[in-house]
Amino acid sequence: MSHQPDEAVAKDAGGGFAPHSEGQFAMACVDVVNLGVNVEQFPGQEPREVPKVALAFASGERQEDKSLTIVTTEMTLSANEKANLRKFLESWRGRSYSAEQAEAGLPMSKLYGQVALISIEHVVTRKGRKFGKIKSISPLPPAVPAPDFVILTEYTRPKFLTDRKAQYATALAKHRADDVGTSPEPSGDDDDSDLPF
């Protein structure tokens, strides 16, 4: 034999990042990602088109490579009183929205740079990977220092969010091409005059 094989070991690195530590942290919203429309189908039901949004938060905690450790949450882009997003935002702001506010629309881009007290727990997926999940969110108490806002300039949108956006767009195009039925895409409200808070 003229050569020897290289030594190489393949292993599952678990996604290449460590989850954010568990506990309560002062965090800032570092990204709002309009993921577009996802096609969801539950057993026994027709597929339906659902607008999705992802929010990313950072406390300043770092990975081994010094990049920011972030926590993300994805929800249906809806201000309906039963919607998880509306409940999440009401917990964050510490008060409910009026019917008029919800009907007028809640501009998600206004969340960027806003701070909160976030409780994080570790969850293990079916594949055995651990990630940080937002257990609860509330207004940041005045006595708790806000995170250093330099994190807003250091943040880079992770590839998995860009990939998910593309995945949803592909699935939506296929769904519509299959002529299963279409729903109009949600229209955004460009009025920046009213903060969601």
N, C-alpha and C. Protein backbone atom coordinates (compact mmCIF):
# COMPACT_ATOMS: atom_id res chain seq x y z
N MET A 1 0.86 -1.18 0.00
CA MET A 1 0.00 0.00 0.00
C MET A 1 0.90 1.24 0.00
N SER A 2 0.63 2.16 -0.90
CA SER A 2 1.50 3.32 -1.07
C SER A 2 1.24 4.45 -0.07
N HIS A 3 0.09 4.46 0.54
CA HIS A 3 -0.21 5.52 1.52
C HIS A 3 -1.12 4.97 2.63
N GLN A 4 -1.16 5.68 3.71
CA GLN A 4 -2.01 5.33 4.84
C GLN A 4 -3.20 6.29 4.88
N PRO A 5 -4.37 5.82 5.31
CA PRO A 5 -5.51 6.74 5.41
C PRO A 5 -5.30 7.76 6.53
N ASP A 6 -5.89 8.92 6.35
CA ASP A 6 -5.83 9.95 7.38
C ASP A 6 -6.66 9.52 8.58
N GLU A 7 -6.23 9.92 9.76
CA GLU A 7 -7.02 9.70 10.96
C GLU A 7 -8.13 10.75 11.00
N ALA A 8 -9.35 10.34 11.07
CA ALA A 8 -10.49 11.26 11.14
C ALA A 8 -11.60 10.58 11.91
N VAL A 9 -12.26 11.34 12.77
CA VAL A 9 -13.35 10.81 13.57
C VAL A 9 -14.57 11.70 13.34
N ALA A 10 -15.67 11.11 12.90
CA ALA A 10 -16.91 11.85 12.72
C ALA A 10 -17.75 11.72 13.97
N LYS A 11 -18.27 12.85 14.44
CA LYS A 11 -19.17 12.79 15.59
C LYS A 11 -20.21 13.89 15.50
N ASP A 12 -21.29 13.71 16.22
CA ASP A 12 -22.37 14.69 16.24
C ASP A 12 -22.00 15.76 17.25
N ALA A 13 -21.76 16.96 16.76
CA ALA A 13 -21.38 18.06 17.64
C ALA A 13 -22.58 18.78 18.24
N GLY A 14 -23.78 18.32 17.93
CA GLY A 14 -24.98 18.89 18.55
C GLY A 14 -25.36 20.25 18.03
N GLY A 15 -25.05 20.55 16.78
CA GLY A 15 -25.48 21.82 16.20
C GLY A 15 -24.42 22.90 16.25
N GLY A 16 -23.31 22.65 16.93
CA GLY A 16 -22.20 23.58 16.90
C GLY A 16 -22.32 24.77 17.83
N PHE A 17 -23.28 24.81 18.71
CA PHE A 17 -23.37 25.92 19.64
C PHE A 17 -23.88 25.43 20.99
N ALA A 18 -23.49 26.14 22.02
CA ALA A 18 -23.97 25.81 23.37
C ALA A 18 -25.21 26.64 23.64
N PRO A 19 -26.20 26.05 24.31
CA PRO A 19 -27.39 26.84 24.63
C PRO A 19 -27.08 27.91 25.68
N HIS A 20 -27.90 28.93 25.71
CA HIS A 20 -27.77 29.97 26.73
C HIS A 20 -27.94 29.32 28.10
N SER A 21 -27.27 29.84 29.10
CA SER A 21 -27.41 29.33 30.47
C SER A 21 -28.85 29.41 30.93
N GLU A 22 -29.21 28.51 31.85
CA GLU A 22 -30.55 28.56 32.44
C GLU A 22 -30.61 29.64 33.51
N GLY A 23 -31.81 30.14 33.76
CA GLY A 23 -32.01 31.14 34.80
C GLY A 23 -32.69 32.38 34.26
N GLN A 24 -32.65 33.45 35.06
CA GLN A 24 -33.26 34.72 34.65
C GLN A 24 -32.17 35.69 34.25
N PHE A 25 -32.41 36.38 33.12
CA PHE A 25 -31.41 37.29 32.58
C PHE A 25 -32.07 38.54 32.03
N ALA A 26 -31.35 39.67 32.16
CA ALA A 26 -31.72 40.88 31.46
C ALA A 26 -31.27 40.68 30.02
N MET A 27 -32.20 40.79 29.08
CA MET A 27 -31.88 40.53 27.69
C MET A 27 -32.47 41.62 26.81
N ALA A 28 -31.88 41.78 25.64
CA ALA A 28 -32.39 42.73 24.65
C ALA A 28 -32.81 41.95 23.41
N CYS A 29 -33.85 42.44 22.77
CA CYS A 29 -34.28 41.86 21.50
C CYS A 29 -33.31 42.34 20.43
N VAL A 30 -32.53 41.41 19.86
CA VAL A 30 -31.51 41.76 18.89
C VAL A 30 -31.95 41.53 17.45
N ASP A 31 -33.10 40.89 17.26
CA ASP A 31 -33.57 40.66 15.90
C ASP A 31 -35.05 40.33 15.88
N VAL A 32 -35.72 40.78 14.84
CA VAL A 32 -37.10 40.44 14.54
C VAL A 32 -37.08 39.92 13.10
N VAL A 33 -37.45 38.67 12.91
CA VAL A 33 -37.33 38.05 11.59
C VAL A 33 -38.72 37.67 11.08
N ASN A 34 -39.13 38.31 10.00
CA ASN A 34 -40.36 37.93 9.33
C ASN A 34 -40.04 36.68 8.53
N LEU A 35 -40.46 35.53 9.01
CA LEU A 35 -40.14 34.26 8.37
C LEU A 35 -41.01 33.98 7.16
N GLY A 36 -41.99 34.82 6.92
CA GLY A 36 -42.91 34.60 5.80
C GLY A 36 -44.04 33.68 6.22
N VAL A 37 -44.61 33.01 5.25
CA VAL A 37 -45.78 32.17 5.49
C VAL A 37 -45.36 30.70 5.46
N ASN A 38 -45.70 29.99 6.52
CA ASN A 38 -45.42 28.55 6.61
C ASN A 38 -46.71 27.79 6.30
N VAL A 39 -46.55 26.64 5.67
CA VAL A 39 -47.69 25.77 5.41
C VAL A 39 -47.73 24.73 6.52
N GLU A 40 -48.78 24.77 7.33
CA GLU A 40 -48.92 23.84 8.45
C GLU A 40 -50.07 22.89 8.17
N GLN A 41 -49.87 21.65 8.56
CA GLN A 41 -50.94 20.67 8.41
C GLN A 41 -50.95 19.76 9.62
N PHE A 42 -52.10 19.63 10.22
CA PHE A 42 -52.28 18.76 11.37
C PHE A 42 -53.12 17.57 10.93
N PRO A 43 -52.96 16.42 11.58
CA PRO A 43 -53.71 15.22 11.19
C PRO A 43 -55.22 15.50 11.10
N GLY A 44 -55.81 15.06 9.98
CA GLY A 44 -57.25 15.21 9.79
C GLY A 44 -57.69 16.59 9.35
N GLN A 45 -56.73 17.51 9.09
CA GLN A 45 -57.08 18.86 8.68
C GLN A 45 -56.43 19.21 7.35
N GLU A 46 -57.02 20.16 6.68
CA GLU A 46 -56.44 20.67 5.42
C GLU A 46 -55.20 21.51 5.76
N PRO A 47 -54.23 21.58 4.84
CA PRO A 47 -53.08 22.47 5.06
C PRO A 47 -53.56 23.91 5.13
N ARG A 48 -52.88 24.70 5.94
CA ARG A 48 -53.23 26.12 6.02
C ARG A 48 -51.98 26.97 6.03
N GLU A 49 -52.10 28.17 5.52
CA GLU A 49 -50.99 29.10 5.44
C GLU A 49 -50.98 29.99 6.68
N VAL A 50 -49.84 30.00 7.36
CA VAL A 50 -49.72 30.70 8.63
C VAL A 50 -48.50 31.61 8.62
N PRO A 51 -48.69 32.93 8.80
CA PRO A 51 -47.54 33.83 8.85
C PRO A 51 -46.75 33.62 10.14
N LYS A 52 -45.42 33.63 10.04
CA LYS A 52 -44.56 33.35 11.18
C LYS A 52 -43.55 34.47 11.40
N VAL A 53 -43.19 34.66 12.66
CA VAL A 53 -42.16 35.63 13.03
C VAL A 53 -41.26 34.98 14.08
N ALA A 54 -39.99 35.32 14.03
CA ALA A 54 -39.04 34.85 15.04
C ALA A 54 -38.44 36.07 15.75
N LEU A 55 -38.27 35.95 17.05
CA LEU A 55 -37.62 36.99 17.85
C LEU A 55 -36.35 36.39 18.43
N ALA A 56 -35.26 37.15 18.39
CA ALA A 56 -33.98 36.70 18.94
C ALA A 56 -33.57 37.63 20.07
N PHE A 57 -33.09 37.05 21.16
CA PHE A 57 -32.70 37.81 22.34
C PHE A 57 -31.27 37.45 22.73
N ALA A 58 -30.55 38.43 23.32
CA ALA A 58 -29.20 38.19 23.80
C ALA A 58 -29.00 38.93 25.12
N SER A 59 -28.21 38.32 26.00
CA SER A 59 -27.89 38.93 27.29
C SER A 59 -26.47 39.48 27.32
N GLY A 60 -25.65 39.02 26.37
CA GLY A 60 -24.23 39.35 26.38
C GLY A 60 -23.39 38.11 26.64
N GLU A 61 -24.04 36.99 26.99
CA GLU A 61 -23.33 35.73 27.18
C GLU A 61 -22.70 35.31 25.85
N ARG A 62 -21.52 34.69 25.91
CA ARG A 62 -20.75 34.36 24.70
C ARG A 62 -20.53 32.87 24.52
N GLN A 63 -20.35 32.48 23.26
CA GLN A 63 -19.92 31.13 22.90
C GLN A 63 -18.40 31.05 23.05
N GLU A 64 -17.85 29.86 22.88
CA GLU A 64 -16.39 29.70 22.97
C GLU A 64 -15.67 30.55 21.94
N ASP A 65 -16.30 30.75 20.77
CA ASP A 65 -15.65 31.55 19.71
C ASP A 65 -15.91 33.05 19.90
N LYS A 66 -16.45 33.42 21.05
CA LYS A 66 -16.73 34.82 21.43
C LYS A 66 -17.97 35.41 20.75
N SER A 67 -18.68 34.62 19.94
CA SER A 67 -19.92 35.12 19.34
C SER A 67 -21.02 35.14 20.40
N LEU A 68 -22.03 35.95 20.16
CA LEU A 68 -23.13 36.06 21.12
C LEU A 68 -23.92 34.76 21.22
N THR A 69 -24.32 34.41 22.42
CA THR A 69 -25.25 33.31 22.62
C THR A 69 -26.65 33.91 22.56
N ILE A 70 -27.48 33.39 21.69
CA ILE A 70 -28.82 33.94 21.56
C ILE A 70 -29.87 32.90 21.90
N VAL A 71 -31.05 33.39 22.18
CA VAL A 71 -32.23 32.55 22.39
C VAL A 71 -33.28 33.06 21.42
N THR A 72 -33.91 32.14 20.70
CA THR A 72 -34.94 32.56 19.75
C THR A 72 -36.27 31.90 20.08
N THR A 73 -37.32 32.54 19.64
CA THR A 73 -38.65 31.97 19.74
C THR A 73 -39.39 32.28 18.45
N GLU A 74 -40.14 31.31 17.97
CA GLU A 74 -40.91 31.47 16.74
C GLU A 74 -42.39 31.35 17.07
N MET A 75 -43.18 32.27 16.53
CA MET A 75 -44.62 32.26 16.79
C MET A 75 -45.39 32.68 15.55
N THR A 76 -46.68 32.37 15.57
CA THR A 76 -47.57 32.83 14.52
C THR A 76 -47.73 34.34 14.65
N LEU A 77 -47.64 35.04 13.53
CA LEU A 77 -47.73 36.49 13.52
C LEU A 77 -49.20 36.90 13.58
N SER A 78 -49.71 36.93 14.81
CA SER A 78 -51.13 37.24 15.03
C SER A 78 -51.30 38.01 16.34
N ALA A 79 -52.22 38.98 16.33
CA ALA A 79 -52.55 39.73 17.53
C ALA A 79 -53.89 39.31 18.10
N ASN A 80 -54.41 38.17 17.64
CA ASN A 80 -55.66 37.64 18.19
C ASN A 80 -55.50 37.45 19.69
N GLU A 81 -56.58 37.63 20.46
CA GLU A 81 -56.47 37.53 21.92
C GLU A 81 -56.01 36.17 22.41
N LYS A 82 -56.17 35.12 21.59
CA LYS A 82 -55.74 33.78 21.99
C LYS A 82 -54.36 33.43 21.43
N ALA A 83 -53.79 34.30 20.61
CA ALA A 83 -52.51 34.02 19.97
C ALA A 83 -51.36 34.05 20.98
N ASN A 84 -50.43 33.11 20.82
CA ASN A 84 -49.26 33.04 21.70
C ASN A 84 -48.42 34.31 21.62
N LEU A 85 -48.30 34.89 20.42
CA LEU A 85 -47.51 36.11 20.27
C LEU A 85 -48.10 37.24 21.10
N ARG A 86 -49.41 37.42 21.04
CA ARG A 86 -50.03 38.49 21.81
C ARG A 86 -49.83 38.26 23.31
N LYS A 87 -50.01 37.02 23.77
CA LYS A 87 -49.80 36.72 25.20
C LYS A 87 -48.35 36.99 25.60
N PHE A 88 -47.41 36.63 24.74
CA PHE A 88 -45.99 36.85 24.98
C PHE A 88 -45.70 38.34 25.12
N LEU A 89 -46.21 39.14 24.18
CA LEU A 89 -45.97 40.58 24.20
C LEU A 89 -46.64 41.25 25.40
N GLU A 90 -47.82 40.77 25.76
CA GLU A 90 -48.50 41.35 26.94
C GLU A 90 -47.73 41.03 28.22
N SER A 91 -47.17 39.84 28.31
CA SER A 91 -46.33 39.51 29.48
C SER A 91 -45.10 40.40 29.49
N TRP A 92 -44.53 40.62 28.32
CA TRP A 92 -43.32 41.43 28.21
C TRP A 92 -43.58 42.87 28.62
N ARG A 93 -44.68 43.44 28.15
CA ARG A 93 -44.97 44.85 28.45
C ARG A 93 -45.63 45.04 29.82
N GLY A 94 -46.14 43.94 30.41
CA GLY A 94 -46.73 44.03 31.75
C GLY A 94 -48.16 44.51 31.77
N ARG A 95 -48.81 44.56 30.63
CA ARG A 95 -50.22 44.94 30.57
C ARG A 95 -50.81 44.46 29.24
N SER A 96 -52.12 44.35 29.23
CA SER A 96 -52.82 43.85 28.05
C SER A 96 -52.98 44.93 27.00
N TYR A 97 -53.19 44.48 25.78
CA TYR A 97 -53.54 45.39 24.69
C TYR A 97 -55.05 45.58 24.69
N SER A 98 -55.48 46.75 24.28
CA SER A 98 -56.91 46.97 24.08
C SER A 98 -57.28 46.34 22.74
N ALA A 99 -58.55 46.11 22.54
CA ALA A 99 -59.03 45.56 21.27
C ALA A 99 -58.65 46.50 20.12
N GLU A 100 -58.70 47.81 20.38
CA GLU A 100 -58.38 48.79 19.35
C GLU A 100 -56.90 48.71 18.96
N GLN A 101 -56.01 48.55 19.96
CA GLN A 101 -54.58 48.44 19.67
C GLN A 101 -54.30 47.18 18.83
N ALA A 102 -54.90 46.08 19.23
CA ALA A 102 -54.66 44.82 18.51
C ALA A 102 -55.20 44.91 17.09
N GLU A 103 -56.35 45.54 16.93
CA GLU A 103 -56.95 45.66 15.61
C GLU A 103 -56.12 46.58 14.71
N ALA A 104 -55.54 47.62 15.30
CA ALA A 104 -54.70 48.55 14.53
C ALA A 104 -53.41 47.88 14.08
N GLY A 105 -52.96 46.88 14.81
CA GLY A 105 -51.73 46.16 14.45
C GLY A 105 -50.59 46.50 15.38
N LEU A 106 -49.75 45.52 15.62
CA LEU A 106 -48.61 45.68 16.52
C LEU A 106 -47.34 45.59 15.68
N PRO A 107 -46.64 46.72 15.46
CA PRO A 107 -45.46 46.71 14.61
C PRO A 107 -44.29 46.00 15.28
N MET A 108 -43.96 44.84 14.77
CA MET A 108 -42.94 44.00 15.38
C MET A 108 -41.55 44.62 15.37
N SER A 109 -41.25 45.45 14.36
CA SER A 109 -39.91 46.04 14.28
C SER A 109 -39.62 46.92 15.50
N LYS A 110 -40.65 47.40 16.17
CA LYS A 110 -40.48 48.24 17.36
C LYS A 110 -39.91 47.45 18.54
N LEU A 111 -39.92 46.12 18.44
CA LEU A 111 -39.37 45.30 19.52
C LEU A 111 -37.85 45.33 19.54
N TYR A 112 -37.25 45.62 18.40
CA TYR A 112 -35.79 45.64 18.29
C TYR A 112 -35.18 46.61 19.30
N GLY A 113 -34.24 46.11 20.10
CA GLY A 113 -33.56 46.94 21.09
C GLY A 113 -34.28 47.06 22.42
N GLN A 114 -35.51 46.55 22.51
CA GLN A 114 -36.26 46.59 23.77
C GLN A 114 -35.70 45.54 24.74
N VAL A 115 -35.74 45.85 26.02
CA VAL A 115 -35.18 44.94 27.03
C VAL A 115 -36.29 44.22 27.79
N ALA A 116 -35.91 43.11 28.41
CA ALA A 116 -36.87 42.31 29.16
C ALA A 116 -36.12 41.46 30.17
N LEU A 117 -36.85 40.96 31.15
CA LEU A 117 -36.33 39.95 32.07
C LEU A 117 -36.86 38.62 31.54
N ILE A 118 -35.94 37.75 31.14
CA ILE A 118 -36.32 36.49 30.50
C ILE A 118 -35.81 35.32 31.31
N SER A 119 -36.71 34.36 31.53
CA SER A 119 -36.37 33.11 32.22
C SER A 119 -36.15 32.04 31.16
N ILE A 120 -34.99 31.39 31.23
CA ILE A 120 -34.61 30.38 30.24
C ILE A 120 -34.48 29.03 30.91
N GLU A 121 -35.03 28.01 30.24
CA GLU A 121 -34.85 26.64 30.70
C GLU A 121 -34.25 25.82 29.57
N HIS A 122 -33.55 24.76 29.92
CA HIS A 122 -32.99 23.88 28.90
C HIS A 122 -33.98 22.77 28.58
N VAL A 123 -34.12 22.51 27.29
CA VAL A 123 -35.02 21.48 26.80
C VAL A 123 -34.19 20.57 25.90
N VAL A 124 -34.47 19.27 25.96
CA VAL A 124 -33.76 18.31 25.13
C VAL A 124 -34.71 17.82 24.04
N THR A 125 -34.26 17.89 22.79
CA THR A 125 -35.08 17.44 21.67
C THR A 125 -35.10 15.92 21.60
N ARG A 126 -35.92 15.39 20.72
CA ARG A 126 -36.00 13.95 20.52
C ARG A 126 -34.66 13.38 20.04
N LYS A 127 -33.89 14.22 19.37
CA LYS A 127 -32.58 13.78 18.88
C LYS A 127 -31.49 13.94 19.93
N GLY A 128 -31.88 14.37 21.13
CA GLY A 128 -30.93 14.49 22.23
C GLY A 128 -30.14 15.78 22.27
N ARG A 129 -30.56 16.77 21.49
CA ARG A 129 -29.86 18.05 21.50
C ARG A 129 -30.51 19.00 22.50
N LYS A 130 -29.66 19.74 23.20
CA LYS A 130 -30.15 20.66 24.22
C LYS A 130 -30.19 22.08 23.67
N PHE A 131 -31.29 22.79 23.96
CA PHE A 131 -31.37 24.19 23.57
C PHE A 131 -32.04 24.99 24.67
N GLY A 132 -31.82 26.30 24.65
CA GLY A 132 -32.44 27.20 25.61
C GLY A 132 -33.79 27.65 25.12
N LYS A 133 -34.80 27.47 25.96
CA LYS A 133 -36.17 27.86 25.61
C LYS A 133 -36.62 28.97 26.55
N ILE A 134 -37.32 29.96 25.99
CA ILE A 134 -37.86 31.04 26.82
C ILE A 134 -39.06 30.50 27.58
N LYS A 135 -38.93 30.44 28.89
CA LYS A 135 -40.01 29.95 29.76
C LYS A 135 -40.98 31.08 30.10
N SER A 136 -40.42 32.27 30.34
CA SER A 136 -41.28 33.42 30.64
C SER A 136 -40.54 34.71 30.30
N ILE A 137 -41.33 35.77 30.14
CA ILE A 137 -40.79 37.09 29.84
C ILE A 137 -41.60 38.11 30.62
N SER A 138 -40.93 39.15 31.09
CA SER A 138 -41.61 40.21 31.84
C SER A 138 -40.82 41.51 31.67
N PRO A 139 -41.41 42.63 32.07
CA PRO A 139 -40.67 43.90 31.97
C PRO A 139 -39.40 43.82 32.83
N LEU A 140 -38.35 44.48 32.40
CA LEU A 140 -37.12 44.51 33.18
C LEU A 140 -37.32 45.42 34.38
N PRO A 141 -37.16 44.88 35.61
CA PRO A 141 -37.32 45.73 36.79
C PRO A 141 -36.30 46.87 36.79
N PRO A 142 -36.68 48.04 37.30
CA PRO A 142 -35.77 49.19 37.29
C PRO A 142 -34.44 48.90 38.00
N ALA A 143 -34.44 48.03 39.00
CA ALA A 143 -33.22 47.75 39.76
C ALA A 143 -32.25 46.83 39.01
N VAL A 144 -32.72 46.19 37.94
CA VAL A 144 -31.87 45.26 37.20
C VAL A 144 -31.23 46.00 36.03
N PRO A 145 -29.88 45.98 35.97
CA PRO A 145 -29.21 46.68 34.86
C PRO A 145 -29.52 46.04 33.51
N ALA A 146 -29.71 46.88 32.51
CA ALA A 146 -29.95 46.40 31.14
C ALA A 146 -28.65 45.84 30.58
N PRO A 147 -28.75 44.92 29.62
CA PRO A 147 -27.53 44.43 28.99
C PRO A 147 -26.83 45.55 28.22
N ASP A 148 -25.53 45.38 27.98
CA ASP A 148 -24.76 46.36 27.22
C ASP A 148 -25.28 46.38 25.79
N PHE A 149 -25.70 47.53 25.32
CA PHE A 149 -26.33 47.62 24.00
C PHE A 149 -25.35 47.44 22.85
N VAL A 150 -24.07 47.23 23.15
CA VAL A 150 -23.11 46.89 22.11
C VAL A 150 -23.51 45.57 21.44
N ILE A 151 -24.29 44.75 22.15
CA ILE A 151 -24.72 43.47 21.56
C ILE A 151 -25.56 43.68 20.30
N LEU A 152 -26.22 44.83 20.19
CA LEU A 152 -27.03 45.10 19.00
C LEU A 152 -26.14 45.22 17.75
N THR A 153 -24.95 45.77 17.92
CA THR A 153 -24.04 45.91 16.78
C THR A 153 -23.22 44.65 16.54
N GLU A 154 -23.06 43.83 17.57
CA GLU A 154 -22.27 42.60 17.44
C GLU A 154 -23.09 41.42 16.90
N TYR A 155 -24.38 41.52 16.99
CA TYR A 155 -25.25 40.41 16.58
C TYR A 155 -25.20 40.22 15.07
N THR A 156 -25.15 38.97 14.66
CA THR A 156 -25.28 38.58 13.26
C THR A 156 -26.38 37.54 13.17
N ARG A 157 -27.30 37.72 12.24
CA ARG A 157 -28.41 36.78 12.11
C ARG A 157 -27.87 35.38 11.82
N PRO A 158 -28.25 34.38 12.62
CA PRO A 158 -27.75 33.02 12.39
C PRO A 158 -28.32 32.39 11.14
N LYS A 159 -27.54 31.50 10.55
CA LYS A 159 -27.91 30.84 9.30
C LYS A 159 -29.22 30.08 9.42
N PHE A 160 -29.49 29.48 10.59
CA PHE A 160 -30.71 28.67 10.70
C PHE A 160 -31.97 29.51 10.51
N LEU A 161 -31.94 30.80 10.86
CA LEU A 161 -33.12 31.65 10.64
C LEU A 161 -33.28 31.98 9.16
N THR A 162 -32.19 32.25 8.48
CA THR A 162 -32.24 32.50 7.04
C THR A 162 -32.69 31.24 6.30
N ASP A 163 -32.17 30.09 6.74
CA ASP A 163 -32.56 28.82 6.13
C ASP A 163 -34.05 28.53 6.33
N ARG A 164 -34.56 28.83 7.53
CA ARG A 164 -35.97 28.58 7.81
C ARG A 164 -36.86 29.45 6.93
N LYS A 165 -36.45 30.70 6.75
CA LYS A 165 -37.20 31.62 5.89
C LYS A 165 -37.28 31.05 4.46
N ALA A 166 -36.15 30.56 3.96
CA ALA A 166 -36.11 29.98 2.61
C ALA A 166 -36.94 28.70 2.54
N GLN A 167 -36.87 27.91 3.60
CA GLN A 167 -37.64 26.65 3.66
C GLN A 167 -39.13 26.94 3.60
N TYR A 168 -39.59 27.93 4.35
CA TYR A 168 -41.01 28.28 4.34
C TYR A 168 -41.44 28.80 2.97
N ALA A 169 -40.58 29.61 2.32
CA ALA A 169 -40.91 30.16 1.01
C ALA A 169 -41.04 29.03 -0.02
N THR A 170 -40.14 28.05 0.05
CA THR A 170 -40.19 26.92 -0.87
C THR A 170 -41.46 26.10 -0.65
N ALA A 171 -41.77 25.82 0.62
CA ALA A 171 -42.97 25.04 0.93
C ALA A 171 -44.24 25.77 0.50
N LEU A 172 -44.26 27.09 0.67
CA LEU A 172 -45.43 27.88 0.28
C LEU A 172 -45.60 27.85 -1.24
N ALA A 173 -44.51 28.02 -1.97
CA ALA A 173 -44.58 28.00 -3.44
C ALA A 173 -45.09 26.64 -3.92
N LYS A 174 -44.62 25.57 -3.32
CA LYS A 174 -45.07 24.23 -3.70
C LYS A 174 -46.55 24.04 -3.38
N HIS A 175 -46.95 24.50 -2.19
CA HIS A 175 -48.35 24.40 -1.77
C HIS A 175 -49.26 25.13 -2.75
N ARG A 176 -48.88 26.34 -3.12
CA ARG A 176 -49.70 27.13 -4.04
C ARG A 176 -49.68 26.54 -5.44
N ALA A 177 -48.54 25.99 -5.83
CA ALA A 177 -48.45 25.37 -7.15
C ALA A 177 -49.33 24.11 -7.24
N ASP A 178 -49.48 23.44 -6.12
CA ASP A 178 -50.33 22.26 -6.07
C ASP A 178 -51.81 22.63 -6.10
N ASP A 179 -52.10 23.94 -6.07
CA ASP A 179 -53.45 24.47 -6.16
C ASP A 179 -54.38 23.89 -5.10
N VAL A 180 -53.84 23.75 -3.88
CA VAL A 180 -54.64 23.25 -2.76
C VAL A 180 -55.57 24.35 -2.25
N GLY A 181 -55.22 25.55 -2.53
CA GLY A 181 -56.00 26.69 -2.04
C GLY A 181 -55.02 27.72 -1.53
N THR A 182 -55.38 28.96 -1.68
CA THR A 182 -54.46 30.00 -1.24
C THR A 182 -55.14 30.94 -0.27
N SER A 183 -54.30 31.52 0.54
CA SER A 183 -54.75 32.58 1.44
C SER A 183 -53.94 33.80 1.11
N PRO A 184 -54.53 34.96 1.20
CA PRO A 184 -53.75 36.16 0.91
C PRO A 184 -52.63 36.32 1.92
N GLU A 185 -51.48 36.82 1.46
CA GLU A 185 -50.38 37.05 2.39
C GLU A 185 -50.76 38.20 3.30
N PRO A 186 -50.29 38.13 4.55
CA PRO A 186 -50.62 39.21 5.48
C PRO A 186 -49.97 40.51 5.02
N SER A 187 -50.69 41.59 5.20
CA SER A 187 -50.13 42.87 4.83
C SER A 187 -49.55 43.52 6.07
N GLY A 188 -48.38 44.12 5.91
CA GLY A 188 -47.73 44.77 7.04
C GLY A 188 -48.25 46.17 7.21
N ASP A 189 -48.22 46.67 8.41
CA ASP A 189 -48.62 48.04 8.69
C ASP A 189 -47.35 48.85 8.82
N ASP A 190 -47.16 49.85 7.95
CA ASP A 190 -45.94 50.63 7.96
C ASP A 190 -46.01 51.80 8.93
N ASP A 191 -47.07 51.94 9.69
CA ASP A 191 -47.18 53.05 10.62
C ASP A 191 -46.30 52.79 11.82
N ASP A 192 -45.27 53.63 11.98
CA ASP A 192 -44.32 53.46 13.08
C ASP A 192 -44.66 54.31 14.30
N SER A 193 -45.84 54.91 14.30
CA SER A 193 -46.14 55.88 15.35
C SER A 193 -46.46 55.26 16.71
N ASP A 194 -46.78 53.97 16.75
CA ASP A 194 -47.20 53.39 18.03
C ASP A 194 -46.33 52.19 18.39
N LEU A 195 -45.58 52.31 19.46
CA LEU A 195 -44.76 51.21 19.95
C LEU A 195 -45.64 50.08 20.45
N PRO A 196 -45.20 48.82 20.29
CA PRO A 196 -45.96 47.72 20.87
C PRO A 196 -45.97 47.81 22.39
N PHE A 197 -45.13 48.64 22.95
CA PHE A 197 -45.08 48.79 24.40
C PHE A 197 -45.86 50.00 24.83
